[in-house]
């Protein structure tokens, strides 16, 4: 027997296709939402991780800042200690300045020069004395300018001829002179080439 379908099969097929289409759209939407949700979760996780790294870097930077401040403070303390040490060394070097200066003058004075007075005012020194000739005074100035460890900038104040009697004997014609010098503010470093002690007085 032959069966004939008299129902509107085309409408039914079109209906099924439409349902399948909408189901595919709904499934695509669900998949899209799932993908978007997963991407959002991954993005949030990356943002949280980056925040944690930023917080870690901020804490480490704060520690470094504290260490830098400590280092700066230590450097300042070291500089203060160095300045104090230099001040102490300068005071120790200048404690024996008068004796060293007198020894220096005796060492620099050539034969034929007699020192009669030494006056010091702050860093300035005035030396007066007698010399047999003017050349002896010039030699004294050159020695003070060249070979002195303690004295600098020697300048001749005055020089004049004078009659000087010694030990009740007849007067001798000598040159009365005065020289001004300046004292170095710091003690010089020990130089093995230069004598440490002054020789006996000359003349």
C-alpha atoms as a PDB file:
ATOM      1  CA  UNK A   1       0.000   0.000   0.000  1.00  0.00           C
ATOM      2  CA  UNK A   2       1.369   3.424  -0.863  1.00  0.00           C
ATOM      3  CA  UNK A   3       1.498   6.000   1.969  1.00  0.00           C
ATOM      4  CA  UNK A   4       1.223   9.626   1.061  1.00  0.00           C
ATOM      5  CA  UNK A   5       2.092  12.361   3.547  1.00  0.00           C
ATOM      6  CA  UNK A   6      -0.397  15.097   3.110  1.00  0.00           C
ATOM      7  CA  UNK A   7       1.024  17.218   6.004  1.00  0.00           C
ATOM      8  CA  UNK A   8       2.888  20.484   5.157  1.00  0.00           C
ATOM      9  CA  UNK A   9       6.354  18.950   5.503  1.00  0.00           C
ATOM     10  CA  UNK A  10       8.061  22.021   4.079  1.00  0.00           C
ATOM     11  CA  UNK A  11       6.735  24.168   6.941  1.00  0.00           C
ATOM     12  CA  UNK A  12       7.826  21.560   9.418  1.00  0.00           C
ATOM     13  CA  UNK A  13      11.298  21.403   7.923  1.00  0.00           C
ATOM     14  CA  UNK A  14      11.531  25.187   7.886  1.00  0.00           C
ATOM     15  CA  UNK A  15      10.457  25.258  11.527  1.00  0.00           C
ATOM     16  CA  UNK A  16      13.117  22.707  12.491  1.00  0.00           C
ATOM     17  CA  UNK A  17      15.771  24.685  10.619  1.00  0.00           C
ATOM     18  CA  UNK A  18      14.713  27.862  12.389  1.00  0.00           C
ATOM     19  CA  UNK A  19      14.873  26.139  15.761  1.00  0.00           C
ATOM     20  CA  UNK A  20      18.326  24.758  14.939  1.00  0.00           C
ATOM     21  CA  UNK A  21      19.440  28.225  13.855  1.00  0.00           C
ATOM     22  CA  UNK A  22      18.273  29.864  17.064  1.00  0.00           C
ATOM     23  CA  UNK A  23      19.790  27.066  19.084  1.00  0.00           C
ATOM     24  CA  UNK A  24      23.107  27.611  17.317  1.00  0.00           C
ATOM     25  CA  UNK A  25      22.876  31.330  17.999  1.00  0.00           C
ATOM     26  CA  UNK A  26      22.112  30.675  21.674  1.00  0.00           C
ATOM     27  CA  UNK A  27      24.988  28.213  21.895  1.00  0.00           C
ATOM     28  CA  UNK A  28      27.309  30.730  20.218  1.00  0.00           C
ATOM     29  CA  UNK A  29      26.180  33.405  22.653  1.00  0.00           C
ATOM     30  CA  UNK A  30      26.801  31.084  25.583  1.00  0.00           C
ATOM     31  CA  UNK A  31      30.233  30.203  24.238  1.00  0.00           C
ATOM     32  CA  UNK A  32      31.016  33.901  23.639  1.00  0.00           C
ATOM     33  CA  UNK A  33      29.921  34.828  27.150  1.00  0.00           C
ATOM     34  CA  UNK A  34      31.994  31.979  28.554  1.00  0.00           C
ATOM     35  CA  UNK A  35      35.041  33.062  26.595  1.00  0.00           C
ATOM     36  CA  UNK A  36      34.538  36.690  27.666  1.00  0.00           C
ATOM     37  CA  UNK A  37      34.112  35.614  31.289  1.00  0.00           C
ATOM     38  CA  UNK A  38      37.230  33.484  31.155  1.00  0.00           C
ATOM     39  CA  UNK A  39      39.188  36.324  29.530  1.00  0.00           C
ATOM     40  CA  UNK A  40      37.918  38.745  32.177  1.00  0.00           C
ATOM     41  CA  UNK A  41      38.989  36.351  34.929  1.00  0.00           C
ATOM     42  CA  UNK A  42      42.442  35.964  33.365  1.00  0.00           C
ATOM     43  CA  UNK A  43      42.735  39.742  33.002  1.00  0.00           C
ATOM     44  CA  UNK A  44      41.713  40.265  36.604  1.00  0.00           C
ATOM     45  CA  UNK A  45      44.274  37.691  37.699  1.00  0.00           C
ATOM     46  CA  UNK A  46      46.992  39.481  35.719  1.00  0.00           C
ATOM     47  CA  UNK A  47      45.905  42.815  37.203  1.00  0.00           C
ATOM     48  CA  UNK A  48      46.049  41.341  40.722  1.00  0.00           C
ATOM     49  CA  UNK A  49      49.482  39.867  40.023  1.00  0.00           C
ATOM     50  CA  UNK A  50      50.708  43.203  38.688  1.00  0.00           C
ATOM     51  CA  UNK A  51      49.312  44.976  41.761  1.00  0.00           C
ATOM     52  CA  UNK A  52      51.172  42.537  43.973  1.00  0.00           C
ATOM     53  CA  UNK A  53      54.391  43.164  42.043  1.00  0.00           C
ATOM     54  CA  UNK A  54      53.826  46.904  42.274  1.00  0.00           C
ATOM     55  CA  UNK A  55      53.242  46.637  46.011  1.00  0.00           C
ATOM     56  CA  UNK A  56      56.416  44.549  46.361  1.00  0.00           C
ATOM     57  CA  UNK A  57      58.424  47.100  44.337  1.00  0.00           C
ATOM     58  CA  UNK A  58      56.976  49.920  46.435  1.00  0.00           C
ATOM     59  CA  UNK A  59      58.004  48.190  49.662  1.00  0.00           C
ATOM     60  CA  UNK A  60      61.479  47.440  48.302  1.00  0.00           C
ATOM     61  CA  UNK A  61      61.864  51.041  47.125  1.00  0.00           C
ATOM     62  CA  UNK A  62      60.885  52.236  50.588  1.00  0.00           C
ATOM     63  CA  UNK A  63      63.545  49.947  52.080  1.00  0.00           C
ATOM     64  CA  UNK A  64      66.114  51.247  49.606  1.00  0.00           C
ATOM     65  CA  UNK A  65      65.164  54.828  50.462  1.00  0.00           C
ATOM     66  CA  UNK A  66      65.709  54.073  54.143  1.00  0.00           C
ATOM     67  CA  UNK A  67      69.088  52.482  53.346  1.00  0.00           C
ATOM     68  CA  UNK A  68      70.065  55.471  51.195  1.00  0.00           C
ATOM     69  CA  UNK A  69      69.163  57.799  54.048  1.00  0.00           C
ATOM     70  CA  UNK A  70      71.234  55.663  56.409  1.00  0.00           C
ATOM     71  CA  UNK A  71      74.177  55.738  53.982  1.00  0.00           C
ATOM     72  CA  UNK A  72      73.877  59.509  53.611  1.00  0.00           C
ATOM     73  CA  UNK A  73      73.809  59.840  57.393  1.00  0.00           C
ATOM     74  CA  UNK A  74      76.874  57.587  57.707  1.00  0.00           C
ATOM     75  CA  UNK A  75      78.706  59.608  55.065  1.00  0.00           C
ATOM     76  CA  UNK A  76      77.905  62.803  56.935  1.00  0.00           C
ATOM     77  CA  UNK A  77      79.174  61.257  60.165  1.00  0.00           C
ATOM     78  CA  UNK A  78      82.354  60.102  58.402  1.00  0.00           C
ATOM     79  CA  UNK A  79      82.919  63.590  56.965  1.00  0.00           C
ATOM     80  CA  UNK A  80      82.397  65.100  60.418  1.00  0.00           C
ATOM     81  CA  UNK A  81      84.871  62.629  61.916  1.00  0.00           C
ATOM     82  CA  UNK A  82      87.418  63.393  59.189  1.00  0.00           C
ATOM     83  CA  UNK A  83      87.043  67.129  59.806  1.00  0.00           C
ATOM     84  CA  UNK A  84      87.480  66.609  63.534  1.00  0.00           C
ATOM     85  CA  UNK A  85      90.520  64.416  62.948  1.00  0.00           C
ATOM     86  CA  UNK A  86      92.083  67.050  60.697  1.00  0.00           C
ATOM     87  CA  UNK A  87      91.339  69.723  63.304  1.00  0.00           C
ATOM     88  CA  UNK A  88      92.963  67.611  66.017  1.00  0.00           C
ATOM     89  CA  UNK A  89      95.970  66.922  63.790  1.00  0.00           C
ATOM     90  CA  UNK A  90      96.277  70.625  63.056  1.00  0.00           C
ATOM     91  CA  UNK A  91      96.146  71.463  66.760  1.00  0.00           C
ATOM     92  CA  UNK A  92      98.740  68.807  67.553  1.00  0.00           C
ATOM     93  CA  UNK A  93     100.947  70.076  64.751  1.00  0.00           C
ATOM     94  CA  UNK A  94     100.697  73.671  65.930  1.00  0.00           C
ATOM     95  CA  UNK A  95     101.129  72.878  69.633  1.00  0.00           C
ATOM     96  CA  UNK A  96     104.886  72.922  69.247  1.00  0.00           C
ATOM     97  CA  UNK A  97     104.803  75.722  66.692  1.00  0.00           C
ATOM     98  CA  UNK A  98     106.798  78.317  68.699  1.00  0.00           C
ATOM     99  CA  UNK A  99     109.684  75.929  69.345  1.00  0.00           C
ATOM    100  CA  UNK A 100     109.659  74.647  65.764  1.00  0.00           C
ATOM    101  CA  UNK A 101     109.520  78.189  64.409  1.00  0.00           C
ATOM    102  CA  UNK A 102     112.509  79.300  66.494  1.00  0.00           C
ATOM    103  CA  UNK A 103     114.483  76.238  65.401  1.00  0.00           C
ATOM    104  CA  UNK A 104     113.535  77.049  61.832  1.00  0.00           C
ATOM    105  CA  UNK A 105     114.768  80.639  62.108  1.00  0.00           C
ATOM    106  CA  UNK A 106     118.055  79.504  63.627  1.00  0.00           C
ATOM    107  CA  UNK A 107     118.503  76.960  60.855  1.00  0.00           C
ATOM    108  CA  UNK A 108     117.742  79.467  58.112  1.00  0.00           C
ATOM    109  CA  UNK A 109     119.945  82.256  59.475  1.00  0.00           C
ATOM    110  CA  UNK A 110     123.283  82.215  57.595  1.00  0.00           C
ATOM    111  CA  UNK A 111     126.643  82.799  59.241  1.00  0.00           C
ATOM    112  CA  UNK A 112     127.091  86.468  60.044  1.00  0.00           C
ATOM    113  CA  UNK A 113     123.416  87.027  60.950  1.00  0.00           C
ATOM    114  CA  UNK A 114     122.419  87.495  64.589  1.00  0.00           C
ATOM    115  CA  UNK A 115     118.768  87.390  65.602  1.00  0.00           C
ATOM    116  CA  UNK A 116     117.899  89.784  68.413  1.00  0.00           C
ATOM    117  CA  UNK A 117     114.097  89.500  68.713  1.00  0.00           C
ATOM    118  CA  UNK A 118     111.163  87.494  67.397  1.00  0.00           C
ATOM    119  CA  UNK A 119     107.590  88.757  67.774  1.00  0.00           C
ATOM    120  CA  UNK A 120     104.517  86.786  66.726  1.00  0.00           C
ATOM    121  CA  UNK A 121     101.005  88.185  66.257  1.00  0.00           C
ATOM    122  CA  UNK A 122      98.471  85.588  65.139  1.00  0.00           C
ATOM    123  CA  UNK A 123      99.941  84.161  61.915  1.00  0.00           C
ATOM    124  CA  UNK A 124     102.423  86.995  61.396  1.00  0.00           C
ATOM    125  CA  UNK A 125     106.020  86.973  62.660  1.00  0.00           C
ATOM    126  CA  UNK A 126     108.469  89.877  62.808  1.00  0.00           C
ATOM    127  CA  UNK A 127     112.158  89.049  63.140  1.00  0.00           C
ATOM    128  CA  UNK A 128     114.787  91.665  63.975  1.00  0.00           C
ATOM    129  CA  UNK A 129     118.493  91.145  63.996  1.00  0.00           C
ATOM    130  CA  UNK A 130     121.973  92.282  63.012  1.00  0.00           C
ATOM    131  CA  UNK A 131     123.984  91.259  59.959  1.00  0.00           C
ATOM    132  CA  UNK A 132     127.572  91.807  58.965  1.00  0.00           C
ATOM    133  CA  UNK A 133     126.583  92.683  55.380  1.00  0.00           C
ATOM    134  CA  UNK A 134     123.486  93.301  53.329  1.00  0.00           C
ATOM    135  CA  UNK A 135     124.281  90.159  51.350  1.00  0.00           C
ATOM    136  CA  UNK A 136     123.795  88.122  54.529  1.00  0.00           C
ATOM    137  CA  UNK A 137     120.301  89.583  54.908  1.00  0.00           C
ATOM    138  CA  UNK A 138     119.503  88.762  51.277  1.00  0.00           C
ATOM    139  CA  UNK A 139     120.745  85.226  51.831  1.00  0.00           C
ATOM    140  CA  UNK A 140     118.523  84.934  54.890  1.00  0.00           C
ATOM    141  CA  UNK A 141     115.493  86.068  52.838  1.00  0.00           C
ATOM    142  CA  UNK A 142     116.235  83.589  50.071  1.00  0.00           C
ATOM    143  CA  UNK A 143     116.615  80.728  52.560  1.00  0.00           C
ATOM    144  CA  UNK A 144     113.315  81.637  54.252  1.00  0.00           C
ATOM    145  CA  UNK A 145     111.569  81.749  50.878  1.00  0.00           C
ATOM    146  CA  UNK A 146     113.075  78.520  49.579  1.00  0.00           C
ATOM    147  CA  UNK A 147     113.817  76.119  52.415  1.00  0.00           C
ATOM    148  CA  UNK A 148     111.385  76.939  55.201  1.00  0.00           C
ATOM    149  CA  UNK A 149     108.945  74.291  56.413  1.00  0.00           C
ATOM    150  CA  UNK A 150     106.990  76.610  58.701  1.00  0.00           C
ATOM    151  CA  UNK A 151     107.385  80.152  57.373  1.00  0.00           C
ATOM    152  CA  UNK A 152     106.225  81.692  54.102  1.00  0.00           C
ATOM    153  CA  UNK A 153     106.199  85.043  52.299  1.00  0.00           C
ATOM    154  CA  UNK A 154     109.306  86.661  53.827  1.00  0.00           C
ATOM    155  CA  UNK A 155     109.463  90.427  53.273  1.00  0.00           C
ATOM    156  CA  UNK A 156     112.171  92.846  54.274  1.00  0.00           C
ATOM    157  CA  UNK A 157     110.817  95.510  56.584  1.00  0.00           C
ATOM    158  CA  UNK A 158     113.844  97.784  56.886  1.00  0.00           C
ATOM    159  CA  UNK A 159     117.586  97.638  56.952  1.00  0.00           C
ATOM    160  CA  UNK A 160     119.930 100.358  58.219  1.00  0.00           C
ATOM    161  CA  UNK A 161     123.515 100.755  59.245  1.00  0.00           C
ATOM    162  CA  UNK A 162     124.105 100.846  62.995  1.00  0.00           C
ATOM    163  CA  UNK A 163     127.067 101.084  65.351  1.00  0.00           C
ATOM    164  CA  UNK A 164     126.915  98.197  67.816  1.00  0.00           C
ATOM    165  CA  UNK A 165     129.308  97.626  70.710  1.00  0.00           C
ATOM    166  CA  UNK A 166     129.761  94.068  71.958  1.00  0.00           C
ATOM    167  CA  UNK A 167     131.391  92.939  75.218  1.00  0.00           C
ATOM    168  CA  UNK A 168     132.615  96.445  76.006  1.00  0.00           C
ATOM    169  CA  UNK A 169     134.785  96.539  72.900  1.00  0.00           C
ATOM    170  CA  UNK A 170     134.839  99.121  70.185  1.00  0.00           C
ATOM    171  CA  UNK A 171     131.630  99.604  68.248  1.00  0.00           C
ATOM    172  CA  UNK A 172     131.191  97.661  65.074  1.00  0.00           C
ATOM    173  CA  UNK A 173     129.314  98.810  62.016  1.00  0.00           C
ATOM    174  CA  UNK A 174     126.545  96.255  61.457  1.00  0.00           C
ATOM    175  CA  UNK A 175     123.271  96.284  59.572  1.00  0.00           C
ATOM    176  CA  UNK A 176     120.135  96.412  61.697  1.00  0.00           C
ATOM    177  CA  UNK A 177     117.241  94.727  59.842  1.00  0.00           C
ATOM    178  CA  UNK A 178     113.686  93.523  60.315  1.00  0.00           C
ATOM    179  CA  UNK A 179     111.862  90.854  58.334  1.00  0.00           C
ATOM    180  CA  UNK A 180     108.176  89.986  58.334  1.00  0.00           C
ATOM    181  CA  UNK A 181     106.995  86.440  57.653  1.00  0.00           C
ATOM    182  CA  UNK A 182     103.795  84.421  57.817  1.00  0.00           C
ATOM    183  CA  UNK A 183     103.337  81.104  59.604  1.00  0.00           C
ATOM    184  CA  UNK A 184     101.776  78.218  57.737  1.00  0.00           C
ATOM    185  CA  UNK A 185      98.387  77.291  59.135  1.00  0.00           C
ATOM    186  CA  UNK A 186      99.088  73.555  59.046  1.00  0.00           C
ATOM    187  CA  UNK A 187     102.148  71.636  60.157  1.00  0.00           C
ATOM    188  CA  UNK A 188     104.071  70.331  57.131  1.00  0.00           C
ATOM    189  CA  UNK A 189     104.483  66.637  56.531  1.00  0.00           C
ATOM    190  CA  UNK A 190     107.693  65.110  57.680  1.00  0.00           C
ATOM    191  CA  UNK A 191     110.301  65.271  54.945  1.00  0.00           C
ATOM    192  CA  UNK A 192     113.314  63.009  55.476  1.00  0.00           C
ATOM    193  CA  UNK A 193     115.442  65.212  53.232  1.00  0.00           C
ATOM    194  CA  UNK A 194     115.035  68.162  55.557  1.00  0.00           C
ATOM    195  CA  UNK A 195     116.623  68.177  58.994  1.00  0.00           C
ATOM    196  CA  UNK A 196     114.266  67.690  61.879  1.00  0.00           C
ATOM    197  CA  UNK A 197     116.329  69.569  64.448  1.00  0.00           C
ATOM    198  CA  UNK A 198     117.981  72.928  64.050  1.00  0.00           C
ATOM    199  CA  UNK A 199     121.750  73.265  64.289  1.00  0.00           C
ATOM    200  CA  UNK A 200     123.453  75.444  66.816  1.00  0.00           C
ATOM    201  CA  UNK A 201     123.243  79.215  66.383  1.00  0.00           C
ATOM    202  CA  UNK A 202     125.573  80.537  63.750  1.00  0.00           C
ATOM    203  CA  UNK A 203     127.921  83.526  63.898  1.00  0.00           C
END
